[in-house]
ModelCIF file with pLDDT and N, C-alpha, C, O atoms, coordinates in Angstrom:
data_MODEL
#
_entry.id   MODEL 
#
_entity.id                         1 
_entity.type                       polymer 
_entity.pdbx_number_of_molecules   1 
#
_entity_poly.entity_id                      1 
_entity_poly.type                           'polypeptide(L)' 
_entity_poly.nstd_linkage                   no 
_entity_poly.nstd_monomer                   no 
_entity_poly.pdbx_seq_one_letter_code       AAATVLAFIAWNFVDGWSASGPLDHERTIII 
_entity_poly.pdbx_seq_one_letter_code_can   AAATVLAFIAWNFVDGWSASGPLDHERTIII 
_entity_poly.pdbx_strand_id                 A 
#
loop_
_entity_poly_seq.entity_id 
_entity_poly_seq.num 
_entity_poly_seq.mon_id 
_entity_poly_seq.hetero 
1 1  ALA n 
1 2  ALA n 
1 3  ALA n 
1 4  THR n 
1 5  VAL n 
1 6  LEU n 
1 7  ALA n 
1 8  PHE n 
1 9  ILE n 
1 10 ALA n 
1 11 TRP n 
1 12 ASN n 
1 13 PHE n 
1 14 VAL n 
1 15 ASP n 
1 16 GLY n 
1 17 TRP n 
1 18 SER n 
1 19 ALA n 
1 20 SER n 
1 21 GLY n 
1 22 PRO n 
1 23 LEU n 
1 24 ASP n 
1 25 HIS n 
1 26 GLU n 
1 27 ARG n 
1 28 THR n 
1 29 ILE n 
1 30 ILE n 
1 31 ILE n 
#
_struct_asym.id          A 
_struct_asym.entity_id   1 
#
loop_
_ma_qa_metric.id 
_ma_qa_metric.mode 
_ma_qa_metric.name 
_ma_qa_metric.software_group_id 
_ma_qa_metric.type 
1 global pLDDT . pLDDT 
2 local  pLDDT . pLDDT 
#
_ma_qa_metric_global.metric_id      1 
_ma_qa_metric_global.metric_value   63.77 
_ma_qa_metric_global.model_id       1 
_ma_qa_metric_global.ordinal_id     1 
#
loop_
_ma_qa_metric_local.label_asym_id 
_ma_qa_metric_local.label_comp_id 
_ma_qa_metric_local.label_seq_id 
_ma_qa_metric_local.metric_id 
_ma_qa_metric_local.metric_value 
_ma_qa_metric_local.model_id 
_ma_qa_metric_local.ordinal_id 
A ALA 1  2 52.00 1 1  
A ALA 2  2 51.00 1 2  
A ALA 3  2 50.00 1 3  
A THR 4  2 55.00 1 4  
A VAL 5  2 50.00 1 5  
A LEU 6  2 52.00 1 6  
A ALA 7  2 47.00 1 7  
A PHE 8  2 44.00 1 8  
A ILE 9  2 47.00 1 9  
A ALA 10 2 45.00 1 10 
A TRP 11 2 46.00 1 11 
A ASN 12 2 47.00 1 12 
A PHE 13 2 48.00 1 13 
A VAL 14 2 53.00 1 14 
A ASP 15 2 52.00 1 15 
A GLY 16 2 52.00 1 16 
A TRP 17 2 72.00 1 17 
A SER 18 2 66.00 1 18 
A ALA 19 2 73.00 1 19 
A SER 20 2 74.00 1 20 
A GLY 21 2 75.00 1 21 
A PRO 22 2 81.00 1 22 
A LEU 23 2 80.00 1 23 
A ASP 24 2 83.00 1 24 
A HIS 25 2 86.00 1 25 
A GLU 26 2 85.00 1 26 
A ARG 27 2 82.00 1 27 
A THR 28 2 81.00 1 28 
A ILE 29 2 83.00 1 29 
A ILE 30 2 83.00 1 30 
A ILE 31 2 82.00 1 31 
#
loop_
_atom_site.group_PDB 
_atom_site.id 
_atom_site.type_symbol 
_atom_site.label_atom_id 
_atom_site.label_alt_id 
_atom_site.label_comp_id 
_atom_site.label_asym_id 
_atom_site.label_entity_id 
_atom_site.label_seq_id 
_atom_site.pdbx_PDB_ins_code 
_atom_site.Cartn_x 
_atom_site.Cartn_y 
_atom_site.Cartn_z 
_atom_site.occupancy 
_atom_site.B_iso_or_equiv 
_atom_site.pdbx_formal_charge 
_atom_site.auth_seq_id 
_atom_site.auth_comp_id 
_atom_site.auth_asym_id 
_atom_site.auth_atom_id 
_atom_site.pdbx_PDB_model_num 
ATOM 1   N N  . ALA A 1 1  ? -3.730 -14.419 -18.172 1.00 52.00 ? 1  ALA A N  1 
ATOM 2   C CA . ALA A 1 1  ? -3.038 -14.694 -16.875 1.00 52.00 ? 1  ALA A CA 1 
ATOM 3   C C  . ALA A 1 1  ? -2.012 -13.519 -16.625 1.00 52.00 ? 1  ALA A C  1 
ATOM 4   O O  . ALA A 1 1  ? -1.942 -12.946 -15.538 1.00 52.00 ? 1  ALA A O  1 
ATOM 5   N N  . ALA A 1 2  ? -1.215 -13.201 -17.720 1.00 51.00 ? 2  ALA A N  1 
ATOM 6   C CA . ALA A 1 2  ? -0.297 -12.098 -17.549 1.00 51.00 ? 2  ALA A CA 1 
ATOM 7   C C  . ALA A 1 2  ? -0.932 -10.788 -17.238 1.00 51.00 ? 2  ALA A C  1 
ATOM 8   O O  . ALA A 1 2  ? -0.433 -10.022 -16.414 1.00 51.00 ? 2  ALA A O  1 
ATOM 9   N N  . ALA A 1 3  ? -2.059 -10.516 -17.908 1.00 50.00 ? 3  ALA A N  1 
ATOM 10  C CA . ALA A 1 3  ? -2.785 -9.277  -17.682 1.00 50.00 ? 3  ALA A CA 1 
ATOM 11  C C  . ALA A 1 3  ? -3.372 -9.159  -16.241 1.00 50.00 ? 3  ALA A C  1 
ATOM 12  O O  . ALA A 1 3  ? -3.461 -8.106  -15.610 1.00 50.00 ? 3  ALA A O  1 
ATOM 13  N N  . THR A 1 4  ? -3.743 -10.340 -15.833 1.00 55.00 ? 4  THR A N  1 
ATOM 14  C CA . THR A 1 4  ? -4.275 -10.446 -14.460 1.00 55.00 ? 4  THR A CA 1 
ATOM 15  C C  . THR A 1 4  ? -3.248 -10.222 -13.379 1.00 55.00 ? 4  THR A C  1 
ATOM 16  O O  . THR A 1 4  ? -3.531 -9.596  -12.357 1.00 55.00 ? 4  THR A O  1 
ATOM 17  N N  . VAL A 1 5  ? -1.984 -10.764 -13.620 1.00 50.00 ? 5  VAL A N  1 
ATOM 18  C CA . VAL A 1 5  ? -0.890 -10.594 -12.721 1.00 50.00 ? 5  VAL A CA 1 
ATOM 19  C C  . VAL A 1 5  ? -0.481 -9.052  -12.746 1.00 50.00 ? 5  VAL A C  1 
ATOM 20  O O  . VAL A 1 5  ? -0.270 -8.391  -11.729 1.00 50.00 ? 5  VAL A O  1 
ATOM 21  N N  . LEU A 1 6  ? -0.403 -8.595  -13.996 1.00 52.00 ? 6  LEU A N  1 
ATOM 22  C CA . LEU A 1 6  ? -0.013 -7.128  -14.041 1.00 52.00 ? 6  LEU A CA 1 
ATOM 23  C C  . LEU A 1 6  ? -1.024 -6.195  -13.419 1.00 52.00 ? 6  LEU A C  1 
ATOM 24  O O  . LEU A 1 6  ? -0.679 -5.193  -12.791 1.00 52.00 ? 6  LEU A O  1 
ATOM 25  N N  . ALA A 1 7  ? -2.282 -6.548  -13.609 1.00 47.00 ? 7  ALA A N  1 
ATOM 26  C CA . ALA A 1 7  ? -3.339 -5.737  -12.958 1.00 47.00 ? 7  ALA A CA 1 
ATOM 27  C C  . ALA A 1 7  ? -3.262 -5.782  -11.426 1.00 47.00 ? 7  ALA A C  1 
ATOM 28  O O  . ALA A 1 7  ? -3.426 -4.791  -10.714 1.00 47.00 ? 7  ALA A O  1 
ATOM 29  N N  . PHE A 1 8  ? -2.969 -7.148  -10.938 1.00 44.00 ? 8  PHE A N  1 
ATOM 30  C CA . PHE A 1 8  ? -2.796 -7.287  -9.498  1.00 44.00 ? 8  PHE A CA 1 
ATOM 31  C C  . PHE A 1 8  ? -1.613 -6.434  -8.973  1.00 44.00 ? 8  PHE A C  1 
ATOM 32  O O  . PHE A 1 8  ? -1.709 -5.758  -7.949  1.00 44.00 ? 8  PHE A O  1 
ATOM 33  N N  . ILE A 1 9  ? -0.498 -6.503  -9.726  1.00 47.00 ? 9  ILE A N  1 
ATOM 34  C CA . ILE A 1 9  ? 0.697  -5.738  -9.326  1.00 47.00 ? 9  ILE A CA 1 
ATOM 35  C C  . ILE A 1 9  ? 0.413  -4.242  -9.230  1.00 47.00 ? 9  ILE A C  1 
ATOM 36  O O  . ILE A 1 9  ? 0.792  -3.559  -8.278  1.00 47.00 ? 9  ILE A O  1 
ATOM 37  N N  . ALA A 1 10 ? -0.283 -3.767  -10.281 1.00 45.00 ? 10 ALA A N  1 
ATOM 38  C CA . ALA A 1 10 ? -0.700 -2.363  -10.339 1.00 45.00 ? 10 ALA A CA 1 
ATOM 39  C C  . ALA A 1 10 ? -1.646 -1.951  -9.188  1.00 45.00 ? 10 ALA A C  1 
ATOM 40  O O  . ALA A 1 10 ? -1.525 -0.902  -8.555  1.00 45.00 ? 10 ALA A O  1 
ATOM 41  N N  . TRP A 1 11 ? -2.548 -2.835  -8.994  1.00 46.00 ? 11 TRP A N  1 
ATOM 42  C CA . TRP A 1 11 ? -3.504 -2.567  -7.946  1.00 46.00 ? 11 TRP A CA 1 
ATOM 43  C C  . TRP A 1 11 ? -2.764 -2.485  -6.549  1.00 46.00 ? 11 TRP A C  1 
ATOM 44  O O  . TRP A 1 11 ? -2.985 -1.573  -5.753  1.00 46.00 ? 11 TRP A O  1 
ATOM 45  N N  . ASN A 1 12 ? -1.925 -3.449  -6.332  1.00 47.00 ? 12 ASN A N  1 
ATOM 46  C CA . ASN A 1 12 ? -1.159 -3.547  -5.074  1.00 47.00 ? 12 ASN A CA 1 
ATOM 47  C C  . ASN A 1 12 ? -0.253 -2.336  -4.958  1.00 47.00 ? 12 ASN A C  1 
ATOM 48  O O  . ASN A 1 12 ? 0.007  -1.870  -3.849  1.00 47.00 ? 12 ASN A O  1 
ATOM 49  N N  . PHE A 1 13 ? 0.220  -1.832  -6.042  1.00 48.00 ? 13 PHE A N  1 
ATOM 50  C CA . PHE A 1 13 ? 1.160  -0.697  -6.055  1.00 48.00 ? 13 PHE A CA 1 
ATOM 51  C C  . PHE A 1 13 ? 0.369  0.580   -5.640  1.00 48.00 ? 13 PHE A C  1 
ATOM 52  O O  . PHE A 1 13 ? 0.834  1.377   -4.825  1.00 48.00 ? 13 PHE A O  1 
ATOM 53  N N  . VAL A 1 14 ? -0.813 0.737   -6.218  1.00 53.00 ? 14 VAL A N  1 
ATOM 54  C CA . VAL A 1 14 ? -1.612 1.768   -5.834  1.00 53.00 ? 14 VAL A CA 1 
ATOM 55  C C  . VAL A 1 14 ? -2.145 1.698   -4.437  1.00 53.00 ? 14 VAL A C  1 
ATOM 56  O O  . VAL A 1 14 ? -2.129 2.666   -3.677  1.00 53.00 ? 14 VAL A O  1 
ATOM 57  N N  . ASP A 1 15 ? -2.628 0.497   -4.120  1.00 52.00 ? 15 ASP A N  1 
ATOM 58  C CA . ASP A 1 15 ? -3.183 0.324   -2.775  1.00 52.00 ? 15 ASP A CA 1 
ATOM 59  C C  . ASP A 1 15 ? -2.252 0.489   -1.726  1.00 52.00 ? 15 ASP A C  1 
ATOM 60  O O  . ASP A 1 15 ? -2.638 0.898   -0.631  1.00 52.00 ? 15 ASP A O  1 
ATOM 61  N N  . GLY A 1 16 ? -0.955 0.191   -1.962  1.00 52.00 ? 16 GLY A N  1 
ATOM 62  C CA . GLY A 1 16 ? 0.102  0.346   -1.013  1.00 52.00 ? 16 GLY A CA 1 
ATOM 63  C C  . GLY A 1 16 ? 0.317  1.902   -0.642  1.00 52.00 ? 16 GLY A C  1 
ATOM 64  O O  . GLY A 1 16 ? 0.906  2.273   0.373   1.00 52.00 ? 16 GLY A O  1 
ATOM 65  N N  . TRP A 1 17 ? -0.199 2.689   -1.533  1.00 72.00 ? 17 TRP A N  1 
ATOM 66  C CA . TRP A 1 17 ? -0.042 4.160   -1.265  1.00 72.00 ? 17 TRP A CA 1 
ATOM 67  C C  . TRP A 1 17 ? -1.124 4.702   -0.314  1.00 72.00 ? 17 TRP A C  1 
ATOM 68  O O  . TRP A 1 17 ? -0.897 5.586   0.512   1.00 72.00 ? 17 TRP A O  1 
ATOM 69  N N  . SER A 1 18 ? -2.334 4.098   -0.493  1.00 66.00 ? 18 SER A N  1 
ATOM 70  C CA . SER A 1 18 ? -3.523 4.603   0.166   1.00 66.00 ? 18 SER A CA 1 
ATOM 71  C C  . SER A 1 18 ? -4.036 3.636   1.291   1.00 66.00 ? 18 SER A C  1 
ATOM 72  O O  . SER A 1 18 ? -4.931 4.027   2.040   1.00 66.00 ? 18 SER A O  1 
ATOM 73  N N  . ALA A 1 19 ? -3.544 2.503   1.416   1.00 73.00 ? 19 ALA A N  1 
ATOM 74  C CA . ALA A 1 19 ? -4.022 1.504   2.399   1.00 73.00 ? 19 ALA A CA 1 
ATOM 75  C C  . ALA A 1 19 ? -3.504 1.973   3.805   1.00 73.00 ? 19 ALA A C  1 
ATOM 76  O O  . ALA A 1 19 ? -2.565 2.762   3.912   1.00 73.00 ? 19 ALA A O  1 
ATOM 77  N N  . SER A 1 20 ? -4.135 1.468   4.816   1.00 74.00 ? 20 SER A N  1 
ATOM 78  C CA . SER A 1 20 ? -3.735 1.761   6.209   1.00 74.00 ? 20 SER A CA 1 
ATOM 79  C C  . SER A 1 20 ? -2.275 1.236   6.498   1.00 74.00 ? 20 SER A C  1 
ATOM 80  O O  . SER A 1 20 ? -1.880 0.144   6.089   1.00 74.00 ? 20 SER A O  1 
ATOM 81  N N  . GLY A 1 21 ? -1.558 2.058   7.194   1.00 75.00 ? 21 GLY A N  1 
ATOM 82  C CA . GLY A 1 21 ? -0.176 1.702   7.501   1.00 75.00 ? 21 GLY A CA 1 
ATOM 83  C C  . GLY A 1 21 ? -0.092 0.947   8.834   1.00 75.00 ? 21 GLY A C  1 
ATOM 84  O O  . GLY A 1 21 ? -1.138 0.666   9.420   1.00 75.00 ? 21 GLY A O  1 
ATOM 85  N N  . PRO A 1 22 ? 1.161  0.586   9.368   1.00 81.00 ? 22 PRO A N  1 
ATOM 86  C CA . PRO A 1 22 ? 1.346  -0.274  10.442  1.00 81.00 ? 22 PRO A CA 1 
ATOM 87  C C  . PRO A 1 22 ? 1.166  0.301   11.801  1.00 81.00 ? 22 PRO A C  1 
ATOM 88  O O  . PRO A 1 22 ? 1.135  -0.466  12.763  1.00 81.00 ? 22 PRO A O  1 
ATOM 89  N N  . LEU A 1 23 ? 1.036  1.670   11.974  1.00 80.00 ? 23 LEU A N  1 
ATOM 90  C CA . LEU A 1 23 ? 0.887  2.223   13.268  1.00 80.00 ? 23 LEU A CA 1 
ATOM 91  C C  . LEU A 1 23 ? -0.461 1.852   13.871  1.00 80.00 ? 23 LEU A C  1 
ATOM 92  O O  . LEU A 1 23 ? -1.512 1.997   13.247  1.00 80.00 ? 23 LEU A O  1 
ATOM 93  N N  . ASP A 1 24 ? -0.388 1.349   15.159  1.00 83.00 ? 24 ASP A N  1 
ATOM 94  C CA . ASP A 1 24 ? -1.621 0.978   15.867  1.00 83.00 ? 24 ASP A CA 1 
ATOM 95  C C  . ASP A 1 24 ? -2.033 1.988   16.831  1.00 83.00 ? 24 ASP A C  1 
ATOM 96  O O  . ASP A 1 24 ? -3.096 1.851   17.437  1.00 83.00 ? 24 ASP A O  1 
ATOM 97  N N  . HIS A 1 25 ? -1.208 3.082   17.035  1.00 86.00 ? 25 HIS A N  1 
ATOM 98  C CA . HIS A 1 25 ? -1.665 4.252   17.851  1.00 86.00 ? 25 HIS A CA 1 
ATOM 99  C C  . HIS A 1 25 ? -0.922 5.499   17.344  1.00 86.00 ? 25 HIS A C  1 
ATOM 100 O O  . HIS A 1 25 ? 0.143  5.442   16.729  1.00 86.00 ? 25 HIS A O  1 
ATOM 101 N N  . GLU A 1 26 ? -1.578 6.632   17.656  1.00 85.00 ? 26 GLU A N  1 
ATOM 102 C CA . GLU A 1 26 ? -1.002 7.913   17.284  1.00 85.00 ? 26 GLU A CA 1 
ATOM 103 C C  . GLU A 1 26 ? 0.392  8.077   17.818  1.00 85.00 ? 26 GLU A C  1 
ATOM 104 O O  . GLU A 1 26 ? 0.660  7.603   18.922  1.00 85.00 ? 26 GLU A O  1 
ATOM 105 N N  . ARG A 1 27 ? 1.303  8.718   17.114  1.00 82.00 ? 27 ARG A N  1 
ATOM 106 C CA . ARG A 1 27 ? 2.561  8.971   17.723  1.00 82.00 ? 27 ARG A CA 1 
ATOM 107 C C  . ARG A 1 27 ? 3.323  10.120  16.947  1.00 82.00 ? 27 ARG A C  1 
ATOM 108 O O  . ARG A 1 27 ? 2.958  10.513  15.839  1.00 82.00 ? 27 ARG A O  1 
ATOM 109 N N  . THR A 1 28 ? 4.303  10.571  17.560  1.00 81.00 ? 28 THR A N  1 
ATOM 110 C CA . THR A 1 28 ? 5.099  11.705  16.876  1.00 81.00 ? 28 THR A CA 1 
ATOM 111 C C  . THR A 1 28 ? 6.383  11.151  16.294  1.00 81.00 ? 28 THR A C  1 
ATOM 112 O O  . THR A 1 28 ? 6.957  10.184  16.795  1.00 81.00 ? 28 THR A O  1 
ATOM 113 N N  . ILE A 1 29 ? 6.810  11.785  15.235  1.00 83.00 ? 29 ILE A N  1 
ATOM 114 C CA . ILE A 1 29 ? 8.102  11.483  14.607  1.00 83.00 ? 29 ILE A CA 1 
ATOM 115 C C  . ILE A 1 29 ? 8.832  12.791  14.437  1.00 83.00 ? 29 ILE A C  1 
ATOM 116 O O  . ILE A 1 29 ? 8.203  13.834  14.258  1.00 83.00 ? 29 ILE A O  1 
ATOM 117 N N  . ILE A 1 30 ? 10.176 12.753  14.491  1.00 83.00 ? 30 ILE A N  1 
ATOM 118 C CA . ILE A 1 30 ? 11.048 13.955  14.287  1.00 83.00 ? 30 ILE A CA 1 
ATOM 119 C C  . ILE A 1 30 ? 11.798 13.765  13.046  1.00 83.00 ? 30 ILE A C  1 
ATOM 120 O O  . ILE A 1 30 ? 12.537 12.796  12.869  1.00 83.00 ? 30 ILE A O  1 
ATOM 121 N N  . ILE A 1 31 ? 11.599 14.727  12.156  1.00 82.00 ? 31 ILE A N  1 
ATOM 122 C CA . ILE A 1 31 ? 12.375 14.796  10.930  1.00 82.00 ? 31 ILE A CA 1 
ATOM 123 C C  . ILE A 1 31 ? 13.484 15.868  11.107  1.00 82.00 ? 31 ILE A C  1 
ATOM 124 O O  . ILE A 1 31 ? 14.270 16.101  10.188  1.00 82.00 ? 31 ILE A O  1 
#
């Protein structure tokens, strides 16, 4: 169970880097 939880956390961490973000349309940002 612990390994499963850790695996899920790790997957979620990695997926959070490559998964689609919240923007629903193209836009510009200024840095």
